[in-house]
Full PDB file with SEQRES, HELIX, SHEET, SSBOND, CRYST1, ORIGX, SCALE, CONECT and MASTER records, all heavy atoms in Angstrom:
SEQRES   1 A   41  ASN ASN PHE VAL PHE ILE GLY TYR LYS THR TYR ARG ILE          
SEQRES   2 A   41  ARG GLU GLU ALA SER GLU GLU TYR LEU GLN ALA VAL GLU          
SEQRES   3 A   41  GLY THR GLY LEU GLY ILE LEU ARG HIS GLY ASP ALA LYS          
SEQRES   4 A   41  PRO ARG                                                      
SHEET    1 AA1 2 GLY A   7  TYR A   8  0                                        
SHEET    2 AA1 2 LEU A  30  GLY A  31 -1                                        
SHEET    1 AA2 2 TYR A  11  GLU A  16  0                                        
SHEET    2 AA2 2 GLU A  19  ALA A  24 -1                                        
CRYST1    1.000    1.000    1.000  90.00  90.00  90.00 P 1           1          
ORIGX1      1.000000  0.000000  0.000000        0.00000                         
ORIGX2      0.000000  1.000000  0.000000        0.00000                         
ORIGX3      0.000000  0.000000  1.000000        0.00000                         
SCALE1      1.000000  0.000000  0.000000        0.00000                         
SCALE2      0.000000  1.000000  0.000000        0.00000                         
SCALE3      0.000000  0.000000  1.000000        0.00000                         
ATOM      1  N   ASN A   1      32.249 -46.640 127.409  1.00  0.00           N  
ATOM      2  CA  ASN A   1      31.207 -47.532 126.892  1.00  0.00           C  
ATOM      3  C   ASN A   1      31.298 -47.776 125.386  1.00  0.00           C  
ATOM      4  O   ASN A   1      30.281 -48.015 124.732  1.00  0.00           O  
ATOM      5  CB  ASN A   1      29.813 -46.999 127.249  1.00  0.00           C  
ATOM      6  CG  ASN A   1      29.574 -46.925 128.731  1.00  0.00           C  
ATOM      7  OD1 ASN A   1      29.983 -47.813 129.479  1.00  0.00           O  
ATOM      8  ND2 ASN A   1      28.936 -45.858 129.186  1.00  0.00           N  
ATOM      9  N   ASN A   2      32.504 -47.735 124.844  1.00  0.00           N  
ATOM     10  CA  ASN A   2      32.697 -48.057 123.440  1.00  0.00           C  
ATOM     11  C   ASN A   2      33.389 -49.405 123.240  1.00  0.00           C  
ATOM     12  O   ASN A   2      33.668 -49.786 122.100  1.00  0.00           O  
ATOM     13  CB  ASN A   2      33.512 -46.960 122.752  1.00  0.00           C  
ATOM     14  CG  ASN A   2      32.739 -45.678 122.604  1.00  0.00           C  
ATOM     15  OD1 ASN A   2      31.678 -45.653 121.991  1.00  0.00           O  
ATOM     16  ND2 ASN A   2      33.238 -44.605 123.192  1.00  0.00           N  
ATOM     17  N   PHE A   3      33.662 -50.100 124.349  1.00  0.00           N  
ATOM     18  CA  PHE A   3      34.405 -51.348 124.274  1.00  0.00           C  
ATOM     19  C   PHE A   3      33.910 -52.281 125.363  1.00  0.00           C  
ATOM     20  O   PHE A   3      33.765 -51.873 126.525  1.00  0.00           O  
ATOM     21  CB  PHE A   3      35.892 -51.067 124.461  1.00  0.00           C  
ATOM     22  CG  PHE A   3      36.815 -52.201 124.078  1.00  0.00           C  
ATOM     23  CD1 PHE A   3      36.973 -52.571 122.756  1.00  0.00           C  
ATOM     24  CD2 PHE A   3      37.535 -52.893 125.041  1.00  0.00           C  
ATOM     25  CE1 PHE A   3      37.831 -53.602 122.387  1.00  0.00           C  
ATOM     26  CE2 PHE A   3      38.397 -53.922 124.696  1.00  0.00           C  
ATOM     27  CZ  PHE A   3      38.547 -54.279 123.355  1.00  0.00           C  
ATOM     28  N   VAL A   4      33.600 -53.518 124.989  1.00  0.00           N  
ATOM     29  CA  VAL A   4      33.257 -54.548 125.966  1.00  0.00           C  
ATOM     30  C   VAL A   4      34.559 -55.210 126.382  1.00  0.00           C  
ATOM     31  O   VAL A   4      35.149 -55.997 125.620  1.00  0.00           O  
ATOM     32  CB  VAL A   4      32.289 -55.583 125.368  1.00  0.00           C  
ATOM     33  CG1 VAL A   4      31.974 -56.669 126.395  1.00  0.00           C  
ATOM     34  CG2 VAL A   4      31.006 -54.923 124.891  1.00  0.00           C  
ATOM     35  N   PHE A   5      35.040 -54.890 127.573  1.00  0.00           N  
ATOM     36  CA  PHE A   5      36.300 -55.456 128.064  1.00  0.00           C  
ATOM     37  C   PHE A   5      36.090 -56.918 128.436  1.00  0.00           C  
ATOM     38  O   PHE A   5      35.236 -57.247 129.262  1.00  0.00           O  
ATOM     39  CB  PHE A   5      36.796 -54.677 129.280  1.00  0.00           C  
ATOM     40  CG  PHE A   5      37.231 -53.272 128.979  1.00  0.00           C  
ATOM     41  CD1 PHE A   5      36.358 -52.208 129.142  1.00  0.00           C  
ATOM     42  CD2 PHE A   5      38.512 -53.017 128.516  1.00  0.00           C  
ATOM     43  CE1 PHE A   5      36.747 -50.913 128.859  1.00  0.00           C  
ATOM     44  CE2 PHE A   5      38.919 -51.730 128.231  1.00  0.00           C  
ATOM     45  CZ  PHE A   5      38.035 -50.665 128.399  1.00  0.00           C  
ATOM     46  N   ILE A   6      36.889 -57.812 127.843  1.00  0.00           N  
ATOM     47  CA  ILE A   6      36.757 -59.242 128.103  1.00  0.00           C  
ATOM     48  C   ILE A   6      38.036 -59.821 128.702  1.00  0.00           C  
ATOM     49  O   ILE A   6      37.989 -60.790 129.456  1.00  0.00           O  
ATOM     50  CB  ILE A   6      36.362 -59.973 126.805  1.00  0.00           C  
ATOM     51  CG1 ILE A   6      34.965 -59.502 126.356  1.00  0.00           C  
ATOM     52  CG2 ILE A   6      36.376 -61.484 126.986  1.00  0.00           C  
ATOM     53  CD1 ILE A   6      34.512 -60.093 125.035  1.00  0.00           C  
ATOM     54  N   GLY A   7      39.177 -59.235 128.391  1.00  0.00           N  
ATOM     55  CA  GLY A   7      40.431 -59.728 128.954  1.00  0.00           C  
ATOM     56  C   GLY A   7      41.484 -58.639 128.984  1.00  0.00           C  
ATOM     57  O   GLY A   7      41.459 -57.710 128.174  1.00  0.00           O  
ATOM     58  N   TYR A   8      42.393 -58.737 129.960  1.00  0.00           N  
ATOM     59  CA  TYR A   8      43.506 -57.779 130.075  1.00  0.00           C  
ATOM     60  C   TYR A   8      44.706 -58.489 130.683  1.00  0.00           C  
ATOM     61  O   TYR A   8      44.573 -59.349 131.560  1.00  0.00           O  
ATOM     62  CB  TYR A   8      43.134 -56.594 130.969  1.00  0.00           C  
ATOM     63  CG  TYR A   8      44.355 -55.778 131.377  1.00  0.00           C  
ATOM     64  CD1 TYR A   8      44.866 -54.809 130.526  1.00  0.00           C  
ATOM     65  CD2 TYR A   8      45.025 -56.026 132.580  1.00  0.00           C  
ATOM     66  CE1 TYR A   8      46.003 -54.088 130.865  1.00  0.00           C  
ATOM     67  CE2 TYR A   8      46.159 -55.319 132.932  1.00  0.00           C  
ATOM     68  CZ  TYR A   8      46.646 -54.346 132.074  1.00  0.00           C  
ATOM     69  OH  TYR A   8      47.781 -53.651 132.398  1.00  0.00           O  
ATOM     70  N   LYS A   9      45.901 -58.097 130.200  1.00  0.00           N  
ATOM     71  CA  LYS A   9      47.139 -58.569 130.828  1.00  0.00           C  
ATOM     72  C   LYS A   9      48.283 -57.644 130.419  1.00  0.00           C  
ATOM     73  O   LYS A   9      48.260 -57.057 129.332  1.00  0.00           O  
ATOM     74  CB  LYS A   9      47.452 -60.019 130.421  1.00  0.00           C  
ATOM     75  CG  LYS A   9      48.607 -60.647 131.193  1.00  0.00           C  
ATOM     76  CD  LYS A   9      48.703 -62.152 130.932  1.00  0.00           C  
ATOM     77  CE  LYS A   9      47.679 -62.923 131.736  1.00  0.00           C  
ATOM     78  NZ  LYS A   9      47.890 -64.402 131.639  1.00  0.00           N  
ATOM     79  N   THR A  10      49.256 -57.516 131.317  1.00  0.00           N  
ATOM     80  CA  THR A  10      50.468 -56.746 131.032  1.00  0.00           C  
ATOM     81  C   THR A  10      51.559 -57.694 130.552  1.00  0.00           C  
ATOM     82  O   THR A  10      51.736 -58.787 131.101  1.00  0.00           O  
ATOM     83  CB  THR A  10      50.952 -56.012 132.291  1.00  0.00           C  
ATOM     84  OG1 THR A  10      49.893 -55.185 132.779  1.00  0.00           O  
ATOM     85  CG2 THR A  10      52.162 -55.144 131.976  1.00  0.00           C  
ATOM     86  N   TYR A  11      52.311 -57.255 129.533  1.00  0.00           N  
ATOM     87  CA  TYR A  11      53.412 -58.054 128.990  1.00  0.00           C  
ATOM     88  C   TYR A  11      54.693 -57.221 128.985  1.00  0.00           C  
ATOM     89  O   TYR A  11      54.653 -56.002 128.838  1.00  0.00           O  
ATOM     90  CB  TYR A  11      53.104 -58.518 127.563  1.00  0.00           C  
ATOM     91  CG  TYR A  11      51.994 -59.539 127.487  1.00  0.00           C  
ATOM     92  CD1 TYR A  11      50.662 -59.138 127.494  1.00  0.00           C  
ATOM     93  CD2 TYR A  11      52.281 -60.897 127.436  1.00  0.00           C  
ATOM     94  CE1 TYR A  11      49.637 -60.067 127.435  1.00  0.00           C  
ATOM     95  CE2 TYR A  11      51.261 -61.842 127.367  1.00  0.00           C  
ATOM     96  CZ  TYR A  11      49.938 -61.420 127.378  1.00  0.00           C  
ATOM     97  OH  TYR A  11      48.930 -62.346 127.332  1.00  0.00           O  
ATOM     98  N   ARG A  12      55.812 -57.908 129.135  1.00  0.00           N  
ATOM     99  CA  ARG A  12      57.124 -57.257 129.084  1.00  0.00           C  
ATOM    100  C   ARG A  12      57.995 -57.956 128.040  1.00  0.00           C  
ATOM    101  O   ARG A  12      57.941 -59.181 127.882  1.00  0.00           O  
ATOM    102  CB  ARG A  12      57.827 -57.323 130.452  1.00  0.00           C  
ATOM    103  CG  ARG A  12      57.137 -56.505 131.530  1.00  0.00           C  
ATOM    104  CD  ARG A  12      57.405 -55.016 131.342  1.00  0.00           C  
ATOM    105  NE  ARG A  12      56.757 -54.239 132.406  1.00  0.00           N  
ATOM    106  CZ  ARG A  12      55.586 -53.634 132.261  1.00  0.00           C  
ATOM    107  NH1 ARG A  12      54.920 -53.737 131.127  1.00  0.00           N  
ATOM    108  NH2 ARG A  12      55.070 -52.940 133.254  1.00  0.00           N  
ATOM    109  N   ILE A  13      58.807 -57.159 127.349  1.00  0.00           N  
ATOM    110  CA  ILE A  13      59.766 -57.719 126.393  1.00  0.00           C  
ATOM    111  C   ILE A  13      61.034 -58.121 127.141  1.00  0.00           C  
ATOM    112  O   ILE A  13      61.544 -57.348 127.949  1.00  0.00           O  
ATOM    113  CB  ILE A  13      60.121 -56.690 125.300  1.00  0.00           C  
ATOM    114  CG1 ILE A  13      58.871 -56.316 124.495  1.00  0.00           C  
ATOM    115  CG2 ILE A  13      61.199 -57.248 124.368  1.00  0.00           C  
ATOM    116  CD1 ILE A  13      59.107 -55.194 123.507  1.00  0.00           C  
ATOM    117  N   ARG A  14      61.504 -59.312 126.885  1.00  0.00           N  
ATOM    118  CA  ARG A  14      62.792 -59.703 127.462  1.00  0.00           C  
ATOM    119  C   ARG A  14      63.636 -60.385 126.384  1.00  0.00           C  
ATOM    120  O   ARG A  14      63.107 -61.011 125.463  1.00  0.00           O  
ATOM    121  CB  ARG A  14      62.621 -60.608 128.677  1.00  0.00           C  
ATOM    122  CG  ARG A  14      62.061 -61.984 128.421  1.00  0.00           C  
ATOM    123  CD  ARG A  14      62.002 -62.758 129.730  1.00  0.00           C  
ATOM    124  NE  ARG A  14      61.499 -64.101 129.580  1.00  0.00           N  
ATOM    125  CZ  ARG A  14      62.224 -65.149 129.226  1.00  0.00           C  
ATOM    126  NH1 ARG A  14      63.513 -65.000 128.963  1.00  0.00           N  
ATOM    127  NH2 ARG A  14      61.683 -66.345 129.129  1.00  0.00           N  
ATOM    128  N   GLU A  15      64.942 -60.237 126.506  1.00  0.00           N  
ATOM    129  CA  GLU A  15      65.873 -60.813 125.537  1.00  0.00           C  
ATOM    130  C   GLU A  15      66.545 -62.043 126.126  1.00  0.00           C  
ATOM    131  O   GLU A  15      66.871 -62.084 127.315  1.00  0.00           O  
ATOM    132  CB  GLU A  15      66.920 -59.775 125.126  1.00  0.00           C  
ATOM    133  CG  GLU A  15      66.350 -58.613 124.343  1.00  0.00           C  
ATOM    134  CD  GLU A  15      67.436 -57.704 123.814  1.00  0.00           C  
ATOM    135  OE1 GLU A  15      68.623 -58.074 123.885  1.00  0.00           O  
ATOM    136  OE2 GLU A  15      67.092 -56.606 123.326  1.00  0.00           O  
ATOM    137  N   GLU A  16      66.731 -63.013 125.270  1.00  0.00           N  
ATOM    138  CA  GLU A  16      67.390 -64.250 125.697  1.00  0.00           C  
ATOM    139  C   GLU A  16      68.049 -64.882 124.478  1.00  0.00           C  
ATOM    140  O   GLU A  16      67.380 -65.170 123.482  1.00  0.00           O  
ATOM    141  CB  GLU A  16      66.356 -65.216 126.305  1.00  0.00           C  
ATOM    142  CG  GLU A  16      66.962 -66.483 126.879  1.00  0.00           C  
ATOM    143  CD  GLU A  16      65.918 -67.360 127.543  1.00  0.00           C  
ATOM    144  OE1 GLU A  16      65.184 -66.861 128.427  1.00  0.00           O  
ATOM    145  OE2 GLU A  16      65.826 -68.541 127.156  1.00  0.00           O  
ATOM    146  N   ALA A  17      69.364 -65.077 124.563  1.00  0.00           N  
ATOM    147  CA  ALA A  17      70.124 -65.702 123.468  1.00  0.00           C  
ATOM    148  C   ALA A  17      69.875 -64.983 122.147  1.00  0.00           C  
ATOM    149  O   ALA A  17      69.588 -65.616 121.120  1.00  0.00           O  
ATOM    150  CB  ALA A  17      69.769 -67.179 123.365  1.00  0.00           C  
ATOM    151  N   SER A  18      69.965 -63.640 122.203  1.00  0.00           N  
ATOM    152  CA  SER A  18      69.826 -62.793 121.009  1.00  0.00           C  
ATOM    153  C   SER A  18      68.428 -62.841 120.387  1.00  0.00           C  
ATOM    154  O   SER A  18      68.244 -62.405 119.250  1.00  0.00           O  
ATOM    155  CB  SER A  18      70.860 -63.185 119.937  1.00  0.00           C  
ATOM    156  OG  SER A  18      72.166 -63.045 120.451  1.00  0.00           O  
ATOM    157  N   GLU A  19      67.474 -63.371 121.103  1.00  0.00           N  
ATOM    158  CA  GLU A  19      66.099 -63.365 120.620  1.00  0.00           C  
ATOM    159  C   GLU A  19      65.218 -62.646 121.630  1.00  0.00           C  
ATOM    160  O   GLU A  19      65.525 -62.596 122.831  1.00  0.00           O  
ATOM    161  CB  GLU A  19      65.583 -64.793 120.404  1.00  0.00           C  
ATOM    162  CG  GLU A  19      66.266 -65.506 119.255  1.00  0.00           C  
ATOM    163  CD  GLU A  19      65.612 -66.837 118.948  1.00  0.00           C  
ATOM    164  OE1 GLU A  19      65.221 -67.524 119.906  1.00  0.00           O  
ATOM    165  OE2 GLU A  19      65.489 -67.194 117.761  1.00  0.00           O  
ATOM    166  N   GLU A  20      64.110 -62.082 121.138  1.00  0.00           N  
ATOM    167  CA  GLU A  20      63.200 -61.342 122.004  1.00  0.00           C  
ATOM    168  C   GLU A  20      61.932 -62.147 122.252  1.00  0.00           C  
ATOM    169  O   GLU A  20      61.400 -62.800 121.353  1.00  0.00           O  
ATOM    170  CB  GLU A  20      62.855 -59.986 121.380  1.00  0.00           C  
ATOM    171  CG  GLU A  20      64.034 -59.016 121.385  1.00  0.00           C  
ATOM    172  CD  GLU A  20      63.619 -57.613 121.002  1.00  0.00           C  
ATOM    173  OE1 GLU A  20      62.749 -57.465 120.106  1.00  0.00           O  
ATOM    174  OE2 GLU A  20      64.161 -56.662 121.578  1.00  0.00           O  
ATOM    175  N   TYR A  21      61.463 -62.052 123.496  1.00  0.00           N  
ATOM    176  CA  TYR A  21      60.274 -62.771 123.919  1.00  0.00           C  
ATOM    177  C   TYR A  21      59.308 -61.793 124.573  1.00  0.00           C  
ATOM    178  O   TYR A  21      59.716 -60.779 125.156  1.00  0.00           O  
ATOM    179  CB  TYR A  21      60.629 -63.876 124.927  1.00  0.00           C  
ATOM    180  CG  TYR A  21      61.448 -64.998 124.352  1.00  0.00           C  
ATOM    181  CD1 TYR A  21      62.827 -64.864 124.188  1.00  0.00           C  
ATOM    182  CD2 TYR A  21      60.844 -66.195 123.973  1.00  0.00           C  
ATOM    183  CE1 TYR A  21      63.587 -65.902 123.654  1.00  0.00           C  
ATOM    184  CE2 TYR A  21      61.603 -67.238 123.447  1.00  0.00           C  
ATOM    185  CZ  TYR A  21      62.962 -67.086 123.292  1.00  0.00           C  
ATOM    186  OH  TYR A  21      63.706 -68.106 122.764  1.00  0.00           O  
ATOM    187  N   LEU A  22      58.030 -62.121 124.495  1.00  0.00           N  
ATOM    188  CA  LEU A  22      57.015 -61.355 125.205  1.00  0.00           C  
ATOM    189  C   LEU A  22      56.569 -62.192 126.396  1.00  0.00           C  
ATOM    190  O   LEU A  22      56.055 -63.306 126.233  1.00  0.00           O  
ATOM    191  CB  LEU A  22      55.831 -61.050 124.281  1.00  0.00           C  
ATOM    192  CG  LEU A  22      54.965 -59.839 124.634  1.00  0.00           C  
ATOM    193  CD1 LEU A  22      55.805 -58.566 124.684  1.00  0.00           C  
ATOM    194  CD2 LEU A  22      53.833 -59.684 123.635  1.00  0.00           C  
ATOM    195  N   GLN A  23      56.785 -61.665 127.594  1.00  0.00           N  
ATOM    196  CA  GLN A  23      56.543 -62.393 128.832  1.00  0.00           C  
ATOM    197  C   GLN A  23      55.373 -61.769 129.578  1.00  0.00           C  
ATOM    198  O   GLN A  23      55.370 -60.563 129.850  1.00  0.00           O  
ATOM    199  CB  GLN A  23      57.789 -62.351 129.711  1.00  0.00           C  
ATOM    200  CG  GLN A  23      57.607 -62.943 131.100  1.00  0.00           C  
ATOM    201  CD  GLN A  23      57.570 -64.461 131.081  1.00  0.00           C  
ATOM    202  OE1 GLN A  23      58.522 -65.099 130.672  1.00  0.00           O  
ATOM    203  NE2 GLN A  23      56.459 -65.025 131.529  1.00  0.00           N  
ATOM    204  N   ALA A  24      54.360 -62.575 129.906  1.00  0.00           N  
ATOM    205  CA  ALA A  24      53.243 -62.082 130.709  1.00  0.00           C  
ATOM    206  C   ALA A  24      53.720 -61.754 132.111  1.00  0.00           C  
ATOM    207  O   ALA A  24      54.523 -62.496 132.695  1.00  0.00           O  
ATOM    208  CB  ALA A  24      52.133 -63.128 130.758  1.00  0.00           C  
ATOM    209  N   VAL A  25      53.251 -60.636 132.648  1.00  0.00           N  
ATOM    210  CA  VAL A  25      53.597 -60.244 134.014  1.00  0.00           C  
ATOM    211  C   VAL A  25      52.640 -60.949 134.966  1.00  0.00           C  
ATOM    212  O   VAL A  25      51.421 -60.770 134.890  1.00  0.00           O  
ATOM    213  CB  VAL A  25      53.519 -58.726 134.192  1.00  0.00           C  
ATOM    214  CG1 VAL A  25      53.826 -58.334 135.636  1.00  0.00           C  
ATOM    215  CG2 VAL A  25      54.484 -58.031 133.229  1.00  0.00           C  
ATOM    216  N   GLU A  26      53.203 -61.749 135.844  1.00  0.00           N  
ATOM    217  CA  GLU A  26      52.393 -62.564 136.746  1.00  0.00           C  
ATOM    218  C   GLU A  26      51.478 -61.695 137.602  1.00  0.00           C  
ATOM    219  O   GLU A  26      51.867 -60.661 138.125  1.00  0.00           O  
ATOM    220  CB  GLU A  26      53.304 -63.404 137.644  1.00  0.00           C  
ATOM    221  CG  GLU A  26      52.553 -64.411 138.493  1.00  0.00           C  
ATOM    222  CD  GLU A  26      53.496 -65.298 139.304  1.00  0.00           C  
ATOM    223  OE1 GLU A  26      54.722 -65.213 139.088  1.00  0.00           O  
ATOM    224  OE2 GLU A  26      52.988 -66.067 140.137  1.00  0.00           O  
ATOM    225  N   GLY A  27      50.220 -62.137 137.721  1.00  0.00           N  
ATOM    226  CA  GLY A  27      49.264 -61.452 138.586  1.00  0.00           C  
ATOM    227  C   GLY A  27      48.542 -60.288 137.952  1.00  0.00           C  
ATOM    228  O   GLY A  27      47.723 -59.646 138.610  1.00  0.00           O  
ATOM    229  N   THR A  28      48.808 -60.002 136.668  1.00  0.00           N  
ATOM    230  CA  THR A  28      48.160 -58.855 136.028  1.00  0.00           C  
ATOM    231  C   THR A  28      46.936 -59.256 135.215  1.00  0.00           C  
ATOM    232  O   THR A  28      46.195 -58.388 134.746  1.00  0.00           O  
ATOM    233  CB  THR A  28      49.138 -58.114 135.097  1.00  0.00           C  
ATOM    234  OG1 THR A  28      49.573 -59.008 134.060  1.00  0.00           O  
ATOM    235  CG2 THR A  28      50.340 -57.602 135.873  1.00  0.00           C  
ATOM    236  N   GLY A  29      46.698 -60.541 135.014  1.00  0.00           N  
ATOM    237  CA  GLY A  29      45.610 -60.984 134.158  1.00  0.00           C  
ATOM    238  C   GLY A  29      44.240 -60.725 134.751  1.00  0.00           C  
ATOM    239  O   GLY A  29      44.015 -60.917 135.950  1.00  0.00           O  
ATOM    240  N   LEU A  30      43.323 -60.284 133.909  1.00  0.00           N  
ATOM    241  CA  LEU A  30      41.931 -60.046 134.290  1.00  0.00           C  
ATOM    242  C   LEU A  30      41.022 -60.632 133.219  1.00  0.00           C  
ATOM    243  O   LEU A  30      41.416 -60.809 132.063  1.00  0.00           O  
ATOM    244  CB  LEU A  30      41.654 -58.553 134.439  1.00  0.00           C  
ATOM    245  CG  LEU A  30      42.389 -57.808 135.558  1.00  0.00           C  
ATOM    246  CD1 LEU A  30      42.210 -56.300 135.398  1.00  0.00           C  
ATOM    247  CD2 LEU A  30      41.890 -58.268 136.933  1.00  0.00           C  
ATOM    248  N   GLY A  31      39.765 -60.912 133.591  1.00  0.00           N  
ATOM    249  CA  GLY A  31      38.830 -61.474 132.638  1.00  0.00           C  
ATOM    250  C   GLY A  31      39.314 -62.803 132.112  1.00  0.00           C  
ATOM    251  O   GLY A  31      39.857 -63.615 132.855  1.00  0.00           O  
ATOM    252  N   ILE A  32      39.157 -63.030 130.818  1.00  0.00           N  
ATOM    253  CA  ILE A  32      39.548 -64.325 130.249  1.00  0.00           C  
ATOM    254  C   ILE A  32      41.056 -64.509 130.217  1.00  0.00           C  
ATOM    255  O   ILE A  32      41.539 -65.614 129.948  1.00  0.00           O  
ATOM    256  CB  ILE A  32      38.973 -64.515 128.830  1.00  0.00           C  
ATOM    257  CG1 ILE A  32      39.512 -63.452 127.867  1.00  0.00           C  
ATOM    258  CG2 ILE A  32      37.455 -64.533 128.853  1.00  0.00           C  
ATOM    259  CD1 ILE A  32      39.160 -63.721 126.413  1.00  0.00           C  
ATOM    260  N   LEU A  33      41.828 -63.443 130.506  1.00  0.00           N  
ATOM    261  CA  LEU A  33      43.287 -63.560 130.614  1.00  0.00           C  
ATOM    262  C   LEU A  33      43.741 -63.668 132.071  1.00  0.00           C  
ATOM    263  O   LEU A  33      44.925 -63.577 132.357  1.00  0.00           O  
ATOM    264  CB  LEU A  33      43.970 -62.364 129.939  1.00  0.00           C  
ATOM    265  CG  LEU A  33      43.762 -62.237 128.428  1.00  0.00           C  
ATOM    266  CD1 LEU A  33      44.492 -61.012 127.882  1.00  0.00           C  
ATOM    267  CD2 LEU A  33      44.233 -63.493 127.704  1.00  0.00           C  
ATOM    268  N   ARG A  34      42.769 -63.869 132.962  1.00  0.00           N  
ATOM    269  CA  ARG A  34      43.113 -64.009 134.387  1.00  0.00           C  
ATOM    270  C   ARG A  34      44.014 -65.215 134.597  1.00  0.00           C  
ATOM    271  O   ARG A  34      44.926 -65.189 135.416  1.00  0.00           O  
ATOM    272  CB  ARG A  34      41.829 -64.164 135.211  1.00  0.00           C  
ATOM    273  CG  ARG A  34      42.069 -64.160 136.709  1.00  0.00           C  
ATOM    274  CD  ARG A  34      40.819 -64.589 137.464  1.00  0.00           C  
ATOM    275  NE  ARG A  34      39.718 -63.638 137.341  1.00  0.00           N  
ATOM    276  CZ  ARG A  34      38.525 -63.798 137.932  1.00  0.00           C  
ATOM    277  NH1 ARG A  34      38.314 -64.909 138.650  1.00  0.00           N  
ATOM    278  NH2 ARG A  34      37.584 -62.901 137.789  1.00  0.00           N  
ATOM    279  N   HIS A  35      43.743 -66.270 133.884  1.00  0.00           N  
ATOM    280  CA  HIS A  35      44.558 -67.482 133.967  1.00  0.00           C  
ATOM    281  C   HIS A  35      45.190 -67.726 132.605  1.00  0.00           C  
ATOM    282  O   HIS A  35      44.940 -67.008 131.647  1.00  0.00           O  
ATOM    283  CB  HIS A  35      43.698 -68.667 134.377  1.00  0.00           C  
ATOM    284  CG  HIS A  35      42.883 -68.414 135.609  1.00  0.00           C  
ATOM    285  ND1 HIS A  35      43.444 -68.219 136.848  1.00  0.00           N  
ATOM    286  CD2 HIS A  35      41.535 -68.283 135.773  1.00  0.00           C  
ATOM    287  CE1 HIS A  35      42.479 -67.995 137.734  1.00  0.00           C  
ATOM    288  NE2 HIS A  35      41.318 -68.034 137.108  1.00  0.00           N  
ATOM    289  N   GLY A  36      45.965 -68.726 132.495  1.00  0.00           N  
ATOM    290  CA  GLY A  36      46.547 -69.041 131.192  1.00  0.00           C  
ATOM    291  C   GLY A  36      48.035 -69.302 131.283  1.00  0.00           C  
ATOM    292  O   GLY A  36      48.669 -69.120 132.330  1.00  0.00           O  
ATOM    293  N   ASP A  37      48.595 -69.711 130.171  1.00  0.00           N  
ATOM    294  CA  ASP A  37      49.999 -70.097 130.097  1.00  0.00           C  
ATOM    295  C   ASP A  37      50.904 -68.884 130.274  1.00  0.00           C  
ATOM    296  O   ASP A  37      50.783 -67.888 129.561  1.00  0.00           O  
ATOM    297  CB  ASP A  37      50.260 -70.759 128.737  1.00  0.00           C  
ATOM    298  CG  ASP A  37      51.646 -71.377 128.652  1.00  0.00           C  
ATOM    299  OD1 ASP A  37      52.355 -71.375 129.679  1.00  0.00           O  
ATOM    300  OD2 ASP A  37      52.002 -71.852 127.571  1.00  0.00           O  
ATOM    301  N   ALA A  38      51.797 -68.941 131.252  1.00  0.00           N  
ATOM    302  CA  ALA A  38      52.743 -67.844 131.496  1.00  0.00           C  
ATOM    303  C   ALA A  38      54.036 -68.020 130.708  1.00  0.00           C  
ATOM    304  O   ALA A  38      54.961 -67.228 130.855  1.00  0.00           O  
ATOM    305  CB  ALA A  38      53.059 -67.752 132.994  1.00  0.00           C  
ATOM    306  N   LYS A  39      54.085 -69.048 129.863  1.00  0.00           N  
ATOM    307  CA  LYS A  39      55.301 -69.305 129.092  1.00  0.00           C  
ATOM    308  C   LYS A  39      55.566 -68.156 128.123  1.00  0.00           C  
ATOM    309  O   LYS A  39      54.670 -67.716 127.409  1.00  0.00           O  
ATOM    310  CB  LYS A  39      55.135 -70.613 128.303  1.00  0.00           C  
ATOM    311  CG  LYS A  39      56.372 -71.040 127.544  1.00  0.00           C  
ATOM    312  CD  LYS A  39      56.125 -72.358 126.822  1.00  0.00           C  
ATOM    313  CE  LYS A  39      57.345 -72.792 126.023  1.00  0.00           C  
ATOM    314  NZ  LYS A  39      57.104 -74.077 125.313  1.00  0.00           N  
ATOM    315  N   PRO A  40      56.789 -67.627 128.094  1.00  0.00           N  
ATOM    316  CA  PRO A  40      57.087 -66.508 127.184  1.00  0.00           C  
ATOM    317  C   PRO A  40      56.950 -66.925 125.723  1.00  0.00           C  
ATOM    318  O   PRO A  40      57.226 -68.070 125.350  1.00  0.00           O  
ATOM    319  CB  PRO A  40      58.535 -66.149 127.525  1.00  0.00           C  
ATOM    320  CG  PRO A  40      59.107 -67.364 128.161  1.00  0.00           C  
ATOM    321  CD  PRO A  40      57.968 -68.025 128.877  1.00  0.00           C  
ATOM    322  N   ARG A  41      56.499 -65.988 124.898  1.00  0.00           N  
ATOM    323  CA  ARG A  41      56.304 -66.253 123.485  1.00  0.00           C  
ATOM    324  C   ARG A  41      57.375 -65.534 122.680  1.00  0.00           C  
ATOM    325  O   ARG A  41      57.551 -64.320 122.808  1.00  0.00           O  
ATOM    326  CB  ARG A  41      54.912 -65.786 123.051  1.00  0.00           C  
ATOM    327  CG  ARG A  41      54.608 -66.030 121.583  1.00  0.00           C  
ATOM    328  CD  ARG A  41      53.144 -65.746 121.281  1.00  0.00           C  
ATOM    329  NE  ARG A  41      52.790 -64.378 121.535  1.00  0.00           N  
ATOM    330  CZ  ARG A  41      52.925 -63.391 120.645  1.00  0.00           C  
ATOM    331  NH1 ARG A  41      53.454 -63.633 119.453  1.00  0.00           N  
ATOM    332  NH2 ARG A  41      52.553 -62.167 120.944  1.00  0.00           N  
TER     333      ARG A  41                                                      
MASTER        0    0    0    0    4    0    0    6  332    1    0    4          
END                                                                             
């Protein structure tokens, strides 16, 4: 009870063309992160 949970999601690091991206793991989003862009950042 020290935190109001509003969103959660799991992310994985992946490498592509010598650059690193943070990729959302499909189906892990909860709260305000339940939906949203799955495009790697």
